[in-house]
Amino acid sequence: MNRITVDIEQCGGRPCVRGMRILVTDVLDLYSAGLTASA
């Protein structure tokens, strides 16, 4: 879980991937839609 950060200055304080502006919810949505890391 050390790759997930919450910072009010980044992504409005929503959980995101450390050092990036990729929201955790976006990753989970893509995963639940069937997208895999190899795609």
PDB file of N, CA and C in Angstrom:
ATOM      1  N   MET A   1       0.815  -1.197   0.000  1.00  0.00           N
ATOM      2  CA  MET A   1       0.000   0.000   0.000  1.00  0.00           C
ATOM      3  C   MET A   1       0.860   1.263   0.000  1.00  0.00           C
ATOM      4  N   ASN A   2       2.167   1.143  -0.027  1.00  0.00           N
ATOM      5  CA  ASN A   2       3.009   2.338  -0.020  1.00  0.00           C
ATOM      6  C   ASN A   2       3.041   3.035  -1.381  1.00  0.00           C
ATOM      7  N   ARG A   3       2.383   2.467  -2.376  1.00  0.00           N
ATOM      8  CA  ARG A   3       2.323   3.103  -3.697  1.00  0.00           C
ATOM      9  C   ARG A   3       1.105   3.988  -3.853  1.00  0.00           C
ATOM     10  N   ILE A   4       0.222   3.970  -2.877  1.00  0.00           N
ATOM     11  CA  ILE A   4      -0.982   4.797  -2.914  1.00  0.00           C
ATOM     12  C   ILE A   4      -0.785   5.969  -1.965  1.00  0.00           C
ATOM     13  N   THR A   5      -0.979   7.179  -2.481  1.00  0.00           N
ATOM     14  CA  THR A   5      -0.806   8.366  -1.657  1.00  0.00           C
ATOM     15  C   THR A   5      -2.066   9.220  -1.679  1.00  0.00           C
ATOM     16  N   VAL A   6      -2.200  10.020  -0.642  1.00  0.00           N
ATOM     17  CA  VAL A   6      -3.292  10.989  -0.559  1.00  0.00           C
ATOM     18  C   VAL A   6      -2.661  12.333  -0.226  1.00  0.00           C
ATOM     19  N   ASP A   7      -2.817  13.281  -1.137  1.00  0.00           N
ATOM     20  CA  ASP A   7      -2.237  14.614  -0.964  1.00  0.00           C
ATOM     21  C   ASP A   7      -3.260  15.626  -1.471  1.00  0.00           C
ATOM     22  N   ILE A   8      -3.626  16.571  -0.641  1.00  0.00           N
ATOM     23  CA  ILE A   8      -4.634  17.569  -1.004  1.00  0.00           C
ATOM     24  C   ILE A   8      -4.202  18.384  -2.230  1.00  0.00           C
ATOM     25  N   GLU A   9      -2.901  18.489  -2.465  1.00  0.00           N
ATOM     26  CA  GLU A   9      -2.381  19.251  -3.602  1.00  0.00           C
ATOM     27  C   GLU A   9      -2.405  18.447  -4.904  1.00  0.00           C
ATOM     28  N   GLN A  10      -2.622  17.156  -4.814  1.00  0.00           N
ATOM     29  CA  GLN A  10      -2.613  16.305  -6.000  1.00  0.00           C
ATOM     30  C   GLN A  10      -3.947  15.573  -6.110  1.00  0.00           C
ATOM     31  N   CYS A  11      -4.598  15.707  -7.212  1.00  0.00           N
ATOM     32  CA  CYS A  11      -5.876  15.031  -7.500  1.00  0.00           C
ATOM     33  C   CYS A  11      -6.957  15.377  -6.485  1.00  0.00           C
ATOM     34  N   GLY A  12      -6.894  16.558  -5.943  1.00  0.00           N
ATOM     35  CA  GLY A  12      -7.927  17.009  -5.014  1.00  0.00           C
ATOM     36  C   GLY A  12      -8.017  16.205  -3.735  1.00  0.00           C
ATOM     37  N   GLY A  13      -6.933  15.548  -3.367  1.00  0.00           N
ATOM     38  CA  GLY A  13      -6.918  14.775  -2.134  1.00  0.00           C
ATOM     39  C   GLY A  13      -7.449  13.357  -2.274  1.00  0.00           C
ATOM     40  N   ARG A  14      -7.776  12.962  -3.494  1.00  0.00           N
ATOM     41  CA  ARG A  14      -8.255  11.590  -3.715  1.00  0.00           C
ATOM     42  C   ARG A  14      -7.057  10.650  -3.833  1.00  0.00           C
ATOM     43  N   PRO A  15      -7.203   9.395  -3.420  1.00  0.00           N
ATOM     44  CA  PRO A  15      -6.088   8.442  -3.489  1.00  0.00           C
ATOM     45  C   PRO A  15      -5.595   8.267  -4.922  1.00  0.00           C
ATOM     46  N   CYS A  16      -4.275   8.324  -5.099  1.00  0.00           N
ATOM     47  CA  CYS A  16      -3.691   8.142  -6.420  1.00  0.00           C
ATOM     48  C   CYS A  16      -2.388   7.361  -6.308  1.00  0.00           C
ATOM     49  N   VAL A  17      -1.875   6.937  -7.459  1.00  0.00           N
ATOM     50  CA  VAL A  17      -0.630   6.195  -7.511  1.00  0.00           C
ATOM     51  C   VAL A  17       0.510   7.166  -7.223  1.00  0.00           C
ATOM     52  N   ARG A  18       1.405   6.779  -6.337  1.00  0.00           N
ATOM     53  CA  ARG A  18       2.509   7.639  -5.901  1.00  0.00           C
ATOM     54  C   ARG A  18       3.297   8.196  -7.085  1.00  0.00           C
ATOM     55  N   GLY A  19       3.482   9.502  -7.102  1.00  0.00           N
ATOM     56  CA  GLY A  19       4.279  10.170  -8.118  1.00  0.00           C
ATOM     57  C   GLY A  19       3.580  10.364  -9.451  1.00  0.00           C
ATOM     58  N   MET A  20       2.331   9.972  -9.538  1.00  0.00           N
ATOM     59  CA  MET A  20       1.584  10.106 -10.789  1.00  0.00           C
ATOM     60  C   MET A  20       0.224  10.708 -10.482  1.00  0.00           C
ATOM     61  N   ARG A  21      -0.471  11.106 -11.498  1.00  0.00           N
ATOM     62  CA  ARG A  21      -1.830  11.622 -11.321  1.00  0.00           C
ATOM     63  C   ARG A  21      -2.844  10.598 -11.822  1.00  0.00           C
ATOM     64  N   ILE A  22      -2.605   9.353 -11.457  1.00  0.00           N
ATOM     65  CA  ILE A  22      -3.508   8.264 -11.826  1.00  0.00           C
ATOM     66  C   ILE A  22      -4.321   7.909 -10.590  1.00  0.00           C
ATOM     67  N   LEU A  23      -5.629   8.111 -10.673  1.00  0.00           N
ATOM     68  CA  LEU A  23      -6.494   7.842  -9.528  1.00  0.00           C
ATOM     69  C   LEU A  23      -6.657   6.346  -9.307  1.00  0.00           C
ATOM     70  N   VAL A  24      -6.677   5.953  -8.052  1.00  0.00           N
ATOM     71  CA  VAL A  24      -6.890   4.554  -7.696  1.00  0.00           C
ATOM     72  C   VAL A  24      -8.246   4.087  -8.217  1.00  0.00           C
ATOM     73  N   THR A  25      -9.250   4.947  -8.150  1.00  0.00           N
ATOM     74  CA  THR A  25     -10.578   4.562  -8.644  1.00  0.00           C
ATOM     75  C   THR A  25     -10.552   4.280 -10.144  1.00  0.00           C
ATOM     76  N   ASP A  26      -9.735   5.022 -10.900  1.00  0.00           N
ATOM     77  CA  ASP A  26      -9.620   4.771 -12.336  1.00  0.00           C
ATOM     78  C   ASP A  26      -9.001   3.398 -12.599  1.00  0.00           C
ATOM     79  N   VAL A  27      -7.968   3.056 -11.849  1.00  0.00           N
ATOM     80  CA  VAL A  27      -7.322   1.751 -11.999  1.00  0.00           C
ATOM     81  C   VAL A  27      -8.310   0.634 -11.674  1.00  0.00           C
ATOM     82  N   LEU A  28      -9.054   0.791 -10.597  1.00  0.00           N
ATOM     83  CA  LEU A  28     -10.024  -0.232 -10.205  1.00  0.00           C
ATOM     84  C   LEU A  28     -11.158  -0.351 -11.215  1.00  0.00           C
ATOM     85  N   ASP A  29     -11.597   0.764 -11.770  1.00  0.00           N
ATOM     86  CA  ASP A  29     -12.646   0.731 -12.795  1.00  0.00           C
ATOM     87  C   ASP A  29     -12.171  -0.026 -14.039  1.00  0.00           C
ATOM     88  N   LEU A  30     -10.947   0.242 -14.472  1.00  0.00           N
ATOM     89  CA  LEU A  30     -10.403  -0.453 -15.638  1.00  0.00           C
ATOM     90  C   LEU A  30     -10.248  -1.945 -15.367  1.00  0.00           C
ATOM     91  N   TYR A  31      -9.780  -2.282 -14.178  1.00  0.00           N
ATOM     92  CA  TYR A  31      -9.613  -3.688 -13.799  1.00  0.00           C
ATOM     93  C   TYR A  31     -10.958  -4.410 -13.771  1.00  0.00           C
ATOM     94  N   SER A  32     -11.960  -3.767 -13.209  1.00  0.00           N
ATOM     95  CA  SER A  32     -13.279  -4.405 -13.131  1.00  0.00           C
ATOM     96  C   SER A  32     -13.933  -4.527 -14.510  1.00  0.00           C
ATOM     97  N   ALA A  33     -13.502  -3.691 -15.454  1.00  0.00           N
ATOM     98  CA  ALA A  33     -14.017  -3.773 -16.819  1.00  0.00           C
ATOM     99  C   ALA A  33     -13.303  -4.849 -17.632  1.00  0.00           C
ATOM    100  N   GLY A  34     -12.290  -5.482 -17.032  1.00  0.00           N
ATOM    101  CA  GLY A  34     -11.614  -6.584 -17.699  1.00  0.00           C
ATOM    102  C   GLY A  34     -10.246  -6.270 -18.260  1.00  0.00           C
ATOM    103  N   LEU A  35      -9.775  -5.034 -18.124  1.00  0.00           N
ATOM    104  CA  LEU A  35      -8.451  -4.680 -18.620  1.00  0.00           C
ATOM    105  C   LEU A  35      -7.398  -5.301 -17.710  1.00  0.00           C
ATOM    106  N   THR A  36      -6.362  -5.882 -18.300  1.00  0.00           N
ATOM    107  CA  THR A  36      -5.289  -6.482 -17.512  1.00  0.00           C
ATOM    108  C   THR A  36      -3.994  -5.717 -17.748  1.00  0.00           C
ATOM    109  N   ALA A  37      -2.990  -5.997 -16.938  1.00  0.00           N
ATOM    110  CA  ALA A  37      -1.703  -5.326 -17.064  1.00  0.00           C
ATOM    111  C   ALA A  37      -1.023  -5.671 -18.385  1.00  0.00           C
ATOM    112  N   SER A  38      -1.325  -6.816 -18.951  1.00  0.00           N
ATOM    113  CA  SER A  38      -0.691  -7.226 -20.202  1.00  0.00           C
ATOM    114  C   SER A  38      -1.377  -6.641 -21.434  1.00  0.00           C
ATOM    115  N   ALA A  39      -2.487  -5.957 -21.241  1.00  0.00           N
ATOM    116  CA  ALA A  39      -3.233  -5.402 -22.385  1.00  0.00           C
ATOM    117  C   ALA A  39      -2.579  -4.153 -22.920  1.00  0.00           C
TER     118      ALA A  39
END
